[in-house]
Amino acid sequence: MNLEQFESMDPVILLSMVNMKIRDEFGDLDNLVKFYDIDKAKLVKKLSDAGFDYLVEAKQFR
C-alpha cells in the first residue's frame, strides 16, 4: 500500500508504515511527507485522531 492514499488507510497500519519508513528510509517526518508530496497536517491529524502523537525527539508516532 502506498502512502499517497493515507487518508483511506486504517490508522494502525498507517502508524506502522509511517514509523517504519521514517526509521528505515527518511530519518524524520518532514523528509517523508516531502518525498510522498502529502499534507503533513492531514497525516498528523489522522494519526492524532487515532490517539498517536508525533514525538520529534524520538522521530516516531506513539
Protein backbone atom coordinates (compact mmCIF):
# COMPACT_ATOMS: atom_id res chain seq x y z
CA MET A 1 0.00 0.00 0.00
CA ASN A 2 1.25 3.45 -0.89
CA LEU A 3 1.30 6.39 1.50
CA GLU A 4 -0.27 8.71 -1.08
CA GLN A 5 -3.61 7.12 -0.11
CA PHE A 6 -3.01 7.53 3.64
CA GLU A 7 -6.38 9.20 4.21
CA SER A 8 -8.25 5.96 3.47
CA MET A 9 -5.88 3.68 5.40
CA ASP A 10 -6.52 2.01 8.73
CA PRO A 11 -4.74 4.24 11.29
CA VAL A 12 -2.87 1.38 13.00
CA ILE A 13 -1.48 0.12 9.69
CA LEU A 14 -0.65 3.71 8.74
CA LEU A 15 1.16 4.20 12.05
CA SER A 16 3.26 1.11 11.45
CA MET A 17 4.12 2.09 7.87
CA VAL A 18 4.98 5.69 8.70
CA ASN A 19 7.21 4.78 11.65
CA MET A 20 8.96 2.07 9.63
CA LYS A 21 9.58 4.40 6.68
CA ILE A 22 10.86 7.19 8.93
CA ARG A 23 13.20 4.76 10.68
CA ASP A 24 14.42 2.88 7.59
CA GLU A 25 14.31 5.41 4.77
CA PHE A 26 13.66 9.05 5.65
CA GLY A 27 15.08 9.95 9.08
CA ASP A 28 12.19 12.26 10.00
CA LEU A 29 8.59 13.11 9.21
CA ASP A 30 9.44 16.17 7.11
CA ASN A 31 11.51 14.15 4.64
CA LEU A 32 8.78 11.50 4.38
CA VAL A 33 5.96 13.96 3.58
CA LYS A 34 8.17 15.84 1.14
CA PHE A 35 9.07 12.63 -0.74
CA TYR A 36 5.45 11.46 -1.00
CA ASP A 37 4.13 15.01 -1.53
CA ILE A 38 1.47 14.59 1.14
CA ASP A 39 -0.07 17.10 3.52
CA LYS A 40 1.81 16.82 6.81
CA ALA A 41 -1.00 18.41 8.83
CA LYS A 42 -3.57 15.92 7.48
CA LEU A 43 -1.29 12.97 8.20
CA VAL A 44 -0.57 14.17 11.73
CA LYS A 45 -4.29 14.82 12.34
CA LYS A 46 -5.34 11.38 11.10
CA LEU A 47 -2.87 9.69 13.45
CA SER A 48 -3.65 12.11 16.28
CA ASP A 49 -7.37 11.37 15.95
CA ALA A 50 -6.46 7.69 16.44
CA GLY A 51 -4.53 8.55 19.61
CA PHE A 52 -0.99 8.76 18.24
CA ASP A 53 1.23 11.84 18.55
CA TYR A 54 4.46 12.57 16.71
CA LEU A 55 7.42 12.83 19.06
CA VAL A 56 10.05 14.95 17.32
CA GLU A 57 12.89 13.83 19.58
CA ALA A 58 12.05 10.14 19.02
CA LYS A 59 11.24 10.70 15.33
CA GLN A 60 8.16 8.49 15.53
CA PHE A 61 4.48 8.42 16.34
CA ARG A 62 3.45 6.87 19.65
